[in-house]
Amino acid sequence: MIQSKLIQLFKDHNGILTTKMANKYGIHDSTFRKAVKREDIQKYCQGVYFLDDSYFDDLYMLQLKYPKGVFSHETAVMLHWLSTQYPFVYHVSFPRGYHLINSNEQNIQPYYISKKEMDSEYIDVVDSWDSNPLRVTNLEKTIIDMLRYKKTTPGIIEEMLDDYLSREDKNLDRLEAYGKQFNMNNLINERILAVSEHIISASEF
């Protein structure tokens, strides 16, 4: 009975569960350990499990493993469809003071930022490729982060800016405000706002 309840719970949660989620339904850690031994489910890491390979969602499971992290920089660019490039590592921002162990082995490029930058104001929730919710820096914060970071993939900045300017959901007022807030207003004006004004002027003819 417990076994069938667990499997159904996995299916109700898109094939991925944490022990913390399951505890709310009266299913304890020992049930997961027994299910792994029976090969009913698979273990991703401590406290995070998935039903089978068809449900494997690397971005979502990484987020469950590190709930304090937010996808940012080149991973955020990809998730916002601002580039066709898929980064070779996971770009994740963490609050300053949190230090990730073995980041290279986990293929993670960590960034340690102020807790203020982790506020919900700067974060959106988008779907992963498997329709699981991911926390990611919003469009404008992603632009800011990419422009102030010096080690980016060649060509990605230009592609990102071109795609951003063509987006209907861009928020130039918010971008301008972020530019002032993060002392990047000159660069934002030069690389984006001036170009946007030129595009609008040209379209009027």
Protein backbone atom coordinates (compact mmCIF):
# COMPACT_ATOMS: atom_id res chain seq x y z
CA MET A 1 0.00 0.00 0.00
CA ILE A 2 2.79 2.41 0.97
CA GLN A 3 4.71 1.43 -2.17
CA SER A 4 1.80 2.22 -4.51
CA LYS A 5 1.13 5.46 -2.62
CA LEU A 6 4.76 6.51 -3.11
CA ILE A 7 4.75 5.75 -6.83
CA GLN A 8 1.51 7.68 -7.31
CA LEU A 9 2.98 10.59 -5.38
CA PHE A 10 5.96 10.63 -7.75
CA LYS A 11 3.62 10.69 -10.75
CA ASP A 12 1.63 13.53 -9.19
CA HIS A 13 4.87 15.54 -8.91
CA ASN A 14 6.14 15.00 -12.44
CA GLY A 15 8.32 12.06 -11.43
CA ILE A 16 10.56 13.94 -8.98
CA LEU A 17 10.23 14.11 -5.19
CA THR A 18 12.17 15.22 -2.15
CA THR A 19 11.84 13.53 1.21
CA LYS A 20 10.65 16.88 2.59
CA MET A 21 7.76 16.91 0.08
CA ALA A 22 6.84 13.31 0.87
CA ASN A 23 6.92 13.82 4.64
CA LYS A 24 3.89 16.08 4.26
CA TYR A 25 1.98 13.04 3.00
CA GLY A 26 3.12 10.77 5.83
CA ILE A 27 5.87 9.02 3.83
CA HIS A 28 9.19 8.85 5.66
CA ASP A 29 12.82 8.60 4.57
CA SER A 30 13.03 4.85 5.19
CA THR A 31 10.37 4.28 2.51
CA PHE A 32 12.61 5.96 -0.06
CA ARG A 33 15.62 3.86 0.94
CA LYS A 34 13.62 0.64 0.58
CA ALA A 35 12.21 1.77 -2.79
CA VAL A 36 15.74 2.47 -4.08
CA LYS A 37 16.88 -1.00 -2.99
CA ARG A 38 13.92 -2.51 -4.87
CA GLU A 39 14.89 -0.31 -7.86
CA ASP A 40 11.39 1.18 -7.89
CA ILE A 41 12.94 4.67 -7.88
CA GLN A 42 16.37 6.27 -8.32
CA LYS A 43 18.36 8.56 -6.06
CA TYR A 44 19.73 11.83 -7.43
CA CYS A 45 21.31 13.05 -4.20
CA GLN A 46 20.57 13.08 -0.50
CA GLY A 47 16.86 13.85 -0.15
CA VAL A 48 16.09 14.08 -3.90
CA TYR A 49 14.72 11.13 -5.90
CA PHE A 50 13.21 10.48 -9.33
CA LEU A 51 10.98 7.76 -10.69
CA ASP A 52 13.07 6.74 -13.73
CA ASP A 53 15.30 8.20 -16.43
CA SER A 54 12.36 9.54 -18.42
CA TYR A 55 11.73 12.04 -15.60
CA PHE A 56 15.36 13.16 -15.21
CA ASP A 57 15.42 16.98 -15.16
CA ASP A 58 18.95 18.15 -14.37
CA LEU A 59 18.09 21.83 -13.81
CA TYR A 60 15.12 21.17 -11.55
CA MET A 61 16.90 18.51 -9.49
CA LEU A 62 19.93 20.76 -9.09
CA GLN A 63 17.61 23.45 -7.77
CA LEU A 64 16.06 20.99 -5.31
CA LYS A 65 19.56 20.05 -4.17
CA TYR A 66 20.50 23.71 -3.67
CA PRO A 67 17.25 25.57 -2.84
CA LYS A 68 19.16 28.75 -1.92
CA GLY A 69 20.49 29.07 -5.46
CA VAL A 70 18.99 30.98 -8.39
CA PHE A 71 19.88 30.24 -12.01
CA SER A 72 21.63 33.26 -13.45
CA HIS A 73 24.08 34.56 -16.06
CA GLU A 74 24.43 32.26 -19.09
CA THR A 75 21.98 29.68 -17.75
CA ALA A 76 19.42 32.45 -17.25
CA VAL A 77 20.13 33.70 -20.79
CA MET A 78 19.29 30.23 -22.09
CA LEU A 79 16.17 29.85 -19.93
CA HIS A 80 14.86 33.23 -21.11
CA TRP A 81 15.48 32.19 -24.73
CA LEU A 82 17.91 35.07 -25.24
CA SER A 83 20.42 32.76 -26.89
CA THR A 84 20.53 29.44 -28.69
CA GLN A 85 23.73 28.48 -26.87
CA TYR A 86 23.56 25.89 -24.08
CA PRO A 87 26.21 26.66 -21.42
CA PHE A 88 28.74 23.97 -20.58
CA VAL A 89 28.26 24.54 -16.85
CA TYR A 90 25.34 25.47 -14.60
CA HIS A 91 25.49 29.17 -13.70
CA VAL A 92 23.95 29.63 -10.26
CA SER A 93 23.91 32.63 -7.89
CA PHE A 94 24.01 32.08 -4.13
CA PRO A 95 23.72 34.53 -1.23
CA ARG A 96 27.07 35.83 -0.06
CA GLY A 97 28.32 33.75 2.85
CA TYR A 98 27.08 30.49 1.33
CA HIS A 99 29.97 28.51 -0.08
CA LEU A 100 29.44 25.60 -2.41
CA ILE A 101 31.62 22.53 -1.92
CA ASN A 102 33.15 20.82 -4.95
CA SER A 103 31.53 23.21 -7.44
CA ASN A 104 33.87 22.13 -10.26
CA GLU A 105 33.05 18.46 -9.77
CA GLN A 106 29.34 19.31 -9.94
CA ASN A 107 29.83 21.37 -13.10
CA ILE A 108 28.56 24.52 -11.37
CA GLN A 109 29.83 28.07 -11.88
CA PRO A 110 28.79 29.76 -8.61
CA TYR A 111 28.36 33.49 -8.05
CA TYR A 112 28.14 34.90 -4.54
CA ILE A 113 25.97 38.00 -4.38
CA SER A 114 24.39 40.19 -1.72
CA LYS A 115 21.21 38.95 -0.07
CA LYS A 116 19.46 42.04 -1.45
CA GLU A 117 20.04 40.73 -4.97
CA MET A 118 18.30 37.49 -3.97
CA ASP A 119 15.02 39.34 -3.28
CA SER A 120 11.93 38.23 -5.20
CA GLU A 121 12.08 41.57 -7.07
CA TYR A 122 14.91 40.15 -9.21
CA ILE A 123 13.60 36.60 -9.61
CA ASP A 124 11.15 34.98 -12.02
CA VAL A 125 9.86 31.42 -12.14
CA VAL A 126 10.07 29.76 -15.55
CA ASP A 127 9.43 26.24 -16.74
CA SER A 128 12.25 23.81 -17.37
CA TRP A 129 12.19 21.73 -20.57
CA ASP A 130 10.18 19.18 -18.55
CA SER A 131 7.69 21.75 -17.21
CA ASN A 132 9.14 21.95 -13.70
CA PRO A 133 9.39 25.38 -12.02
CA LEU A 134 12.83 27.00 -11.94
CA ARG A 135 13.92 30.12 -10.07
CA VAL A 136 15.86 32.37 -12.42
CA THR A 137 16.95 36.00 -12.49
CA ASN A 138 14.42 38.10 -14.40
CA LEU A 139 15.12 39.40 -17.89
CA GLU A 140 16.57 42.74 -16.86
CA LYS A 141 18.64 41.40 -13.95
CA THR A 142 20.05 38.79 -16.34
CA ILE A 143 21.11 41.57 -18.73
CA ILE A 144 22.79 43.45 -15.87
CA ASP A 145 24.61 40.36 -14.60
CA MET A 146 25.89 39.45 -18.04
CA LEU A 147 27.17 42.95 -18.81
CA ARG A 148 29.06 43.27 -15.54
CA TYR A 149 30.57 39.78 -15.73
CA LYS A 150 33.79 39.69 -17.75
CA LYS A 151 34.14 35.98 -18.63
CA THR A 152 31.30 35.25 -21.02
CA THR A 153 31.09 32.92 -24.00
CA PRO A 154 32.21 34.78 -27.16
CA GLY A 155 29.30 36.26 -29.08
CA ILE A 156 26.66 35.61 -26.43
CA ILE A 157 26.36 39.25 -25.30
CA GLU A 158 25.56 40.49 -28.80
CA GLU A 159 23.03 37.71 -29.39
CA MET A 160 21.42 38.35 -25.99
CA LEU A 161 21.04 42.10 -26.59
CA ASP A 162 19.63 41.63 -30.10
CA ASP A 163 17.07 39.14 -28.83
CA TYR A 164 16.18 41.27 -25.81
CA LEU A 165 15.48 44.35 -27.92
CA SER A 166 13.10 42.33 -30.11
CA ARG A 167 11.14 41.00 -27.12
CA GLU A 168 7.64 42.29 -26.46
CA ASP A 169 8.00 41.51 -22.75
CA LYS A 170 11.16 43.62 -22.27
CA ASN A 171 10.94 46.32 -19.62
CA LEU A 172 13.25 49.17 -20.55
CA ASP A 173 12.13 51.29 -17.58
CA ARG A 174 13.14 48.51 -15.20
CA LEU A 175 16.41 48.02 -17.05
CA GLU A 176 17.18 51.71 -16.77
CA ALA A 177 16.40 51.61 -13.04
CA TYR A 178 18.65 48.58 -12.58
CA GLY A 179 21.39 50.36 -14.53
CA LYS A 180 21.35 53.21 -12.03
CA GLN A 181 21.05 50.86 -9.06
CA PHE A 182 24.08 48.79 -10.07
CA ASN A 183 26.17 51.73 -11.35
CA MET A 184 25.90 50.63 -14.95
CA ASN A 185 23.68 53.39 -16.33
CA ASN A 186 26.27 54.61 -18.87
CA LEU A 187 26.74 51.14 -20.32
CA ILE A 188 22.99 50.46 -20.35
CA ASN A 189 22.36 53.76 -22.12
CA GLU A 190 25.08 53.11 -24.69
CA ARG A 191 24.45 49.41 -25.43
CA ILE A 192 20.65 49.19 -25.12
CA LEU A 193 18.59 52.33 -24.53
CA ALA A 194 20.21 54.35 -27.32
CA VAL A 195 19.85 51.43 -29.72
CA SER A 196 16.19 51.01 -28.73
CA GLU A 197 15.49 54.70 -29.39
CA HIS A 198 17.19 54.40 -32.80
CA ILE A 199 15.00 51.39 -33.67
CA ILE A 200 11.84 53.25 -32.65
CA SER A 201 12.85 56.36 -34.64
CA ALA A 202 13.62 54.27 -37.72
CA SER A 203 10.26 52.49 -37.54
CA GLU A 204 8.42 55.81 -37.62
CA PHE A 205 9.58 56.55 -41.17
